[in-house]
Amino acid sequence: MSVLISAANRQQLTAMGTGGTAAVVVAFSVTVQQYDTVAAAYFPAFQTRSGSAPGGFHRPAGVQVAADAVYGTVRLTGGAPALQLGGTAVAGLPGAPVFQMDLIVSSAVAPRPQQLQVQTSTVQKVIQTWGLPPS
């Protein structure tokens, strides 16, 4: 997943300590909307659709997991998510300088594959599976 972050946020993420490496299972839900000029309507160009929690996944008390959430694994370094941060500001964007940040989410072993929906218009969609079956 790639996003743009401010210089201040980049500095904070860079300052997070280094140390042992581990991994944590995360549940996340994402929807990216796109506008269809023919239908004059927005549609979900990419979205999580449904997921299956890996064995041993424990949801923290009081935390809700969205019905369309999928599950993945994020590597941790020094207790913080392992990120790749761009060294130079992204060119051509107005306003304050922003940097690219990549967070790598790997598939998790779960009872059923995770489902992602990809659409190219208000009527054309495909459901893709993502994940690893139990061995």
Protein backbone atom coordinates (compact mmCIF):
# COMPACT_ATOMS: atom_id res chain seq x y z
CA MET A 1 0.00 0.00 0.00
CA SER A 2 1.49 3.36 -0.99
CA VAL A 3 0.35 6.68 0.45
CA LEU A 4 1.67 10.23 0.61
CA ILE A 5 2.63 11.64 4.02
CA SER A 6 3.82 15.01 5.27
CA ALA A 7 7.44 15.82 6.04
CA ALA A 8 6.61 15.95 9.78
CA ASN A 9 5.03 12.48 9.71
CA ARG A 10 7.99 11.13 7.72
CA GLN A 11 10.35 12.49 10.36
CA GLN A 12 8.34 10.86 13.18
CA LEU A 13 8.26 7.49 11.40
CA THR A 14 11.99 7.65 10.71
CA ALA A 15 12.64 8.37 14.40
CA MET A 16 10.83 5.22 15.55
CA GLY A 17 13.42 2.93 17.06
CA THR A 18 15.06 -0.08 15.53
CA GLY A 19 15.28 -3.44 17.17
CA GLY A 20 13.94 -6.96 16.86
CA THR A 21 11.74 -7.93 13.96
CA ALA A 22 8.39 -9.65 14.42
CA ALA A 23 5.06 -9.74 12.59
CA VAL A 24 1.51 -8.91 13.57
CA VAL A 25 -1.80 -9.87 11.95
CA VAL A 26 -3.95 -6.87 11.04
CA ALA A 27 -7.56 -6.52 9.90
CA PHE A 28 -8.23 -3.70 7.47
CA SER A 29 -11.01 -2.39 5.26
CA VAL A 30 -10.37 -0.16 2.23
CA THR A 31 -12.58 1.40 -0.45
CA VAL A 32 -11.25 3.53 -3.32
CA GLN A 33 -13.99 5.35 -5.25
CA GLN A 34 -13.82 6.32 -8.93
CA TYR A 35 -16.19 8.46 -11.03
CA ASP A 36 -17.90 6.96 -14.11
CA THR A 37 -18.54 9.87 -16.50
CA VAL A 38 -20.95 7.83 -18.66
CA ALA A 39 -23.15 6.74 -15.74
CA ALA A 40 -22.47 10.03 -13.88
CA ALA A 41 -21.95 8.06 -10.67
CA TYR A 42 -19.19 7.02 -8.28
CA PHE A 43 -18.36 3.34 -7.90
CA PRO A 44 -15.92 1.34 -5.72
CA ALA A 45 -12.94 0.80 -8.06
CA PHE A 46 -11.15 -1.25 -5.39
CA GLN A 47 -12.43 -2.52 -2.07
CA THR A 48 -12.03 -5.22 0.49
CA ARG A 49 -15.02 -7.56 0.38
CA SER A 50 -14.73 -10.29 3.01
CA GLY A 51 -12.09 -11.96 5.09
CA SER A 52 -11.44 -14.92 7.31
CA ALA A 53 -9.55 -14.43 10.57
CA PRO A 54 -6.40 -16.54 10.90
CA GLY A 55 -6.26 -19.09 13.71
CA GLY A 56 -5.02 -17.50 16.92
CA PHE A 57 -6.13 -13.98 15.89
CA HIS A 58 -7.37 -12.11 18.96
CA ARG A 59 -9.32 -8.89 18.49
CA PRO A 60 -8.46 -6.38 21.24
CA ALA A 61 -11.35 -5.65 23.60
CA GLY A 62 -13.51 -2.78 22.39
CA VAL A 63 -12.15 -2.87 18.82
CA GLN A 64 -14.68 -3.43 16.05
CA VAL A 65 -13.68 -5.19 12.82
CA ALA A 66 -15.64 -4.11 9.73
CA ALA A 67 -17.76 -6.77 8.02
CA ASP A 68 -15.76 -6.31 4.78
CA ALA A 69 -12.35 -6.46 6.49
CA VAL A 70 -9.57 -8.72 5.23
CA TYR A 71 -6.61 -9.99 7.25
CA GLY A 72 -2.91 -9.69 6.48
CA THR A 73 0.50 -9.73 8.14
CA VAL A 74 2.60 -6.61 8.72
CA ARG A 75 6.26 -6.97 9.70
CA LEU A 76 7.33 -5.00 12.78
CA THR A 77 10.74 -3.50 13.46
CA GLY A 78 11.36 -2.19 16.96
CA GLY A 79 7.63 -2.52 17.70
CA ALA A 80 6.64 -0.23 14.80
CA PRO A 81 5.38 -1.22 11.33
CA ALA A 82 8.21 -1.81 8.84
CA LEU A 83 7.89 0.99 6.29
CA GLN A 84 9.73 2.13 3.22
CA LEU A 85 9.98 5.91 3.18
CA GLY A 86 10.89 7.94 0.13
CA GLY A 87 14.03 10.05 0.61
CA THR A 88 12.93 13.00 -1.52
CA ALA A 89 9.67 14.90 -1.72
CA VAL A 90 7.23 13.92 -4.47
CA ALA A 91 7.61 16.45 -7.29
CA GLY A 92 4.79 18.31 -9.01
CA LEU A 93 2.30 18.52 -6.14
CA PRO A 94 1.19 21.95 -4.91
CA GLY A 95 1.39 22.88 -1.23
CA ALA A 96 3.56 21.41 1.49
CA PRO A 97 6.14 18.79 0.50
CA VAL A 98 4.94 15.18 0.75
CA PHE A 99 6.82 11.88 0.72
CA GLN A 100 5.85 8.42 -0.48
CA MET A 101 5.41 5.75 2.18
CA ASP A 102 5.00 2.04 1.41
CA LEU A 103 3.50 -0.32 3.97
CA ILE A 104 3.86 -3.96 2.95
CA VAL A 105 0.95 -6.19 3.94
CA SER A 106 1.50 -9.89 3.25
CA SER A 107 -1.26 -12.47 3.07
CA ALA A 108 -2.04 -14.38 6.25
CA VAL A 109 -2.76 -18.10 6.55
CA ALA A 110 -6.52 -18.28 7.20
CA PRO A 111 -9.28 -20.87 6.91
CA ARG A 112 -10.62 -19.22 3.73
CA PRO A 113 -9.03 -16.81 1.22
CA GLN A 114 -9.66 -13.09 1.63
CA GLN A 115 -11.80 -11.45 -1.07
CA LEU A 116 -11.05 -8.18 -2.88
CA GLN A 117 -13.37 -6.51 -5.39
CA VAL A 118 -11.99 -4.70 -8.45
CA GLN A 119 -14.31 -2.65 -10.68
CA THR A 120 -13.73 -0.79 -13.94
CA SER A 121 -17.21 0.79 -14.17
CA THR A 122 -20.53 0.82 -12.34
CA VAL A 123 -21.39 -2.58 -13.91
CA GLN A 124 -18.05 -4.36 -14.54
CA LYS A 125 -16.57 -6.00 -11.44
CA VAL A 126 -14.40 -8.98 -10.52
CA ILE A 127 -13.93 -10.65 -7.15
CA GLN A 128 -10.29 -11.68 -6.58
CA THR A 129 -9.06 -13.95 -3.81
CA TRP A 130 -5.97 -13.12 -1.76
CA GLY A 131 -4.38 -15.20 0.94
CA LEU A 132 -2.90 -18.54 1.85
CA PRO A 133 -4.86 -21.70 2.67
CA PRO A 134 -3.98 -23.59 5.84
CA SER A 135 -1.42 -26.36 5.32
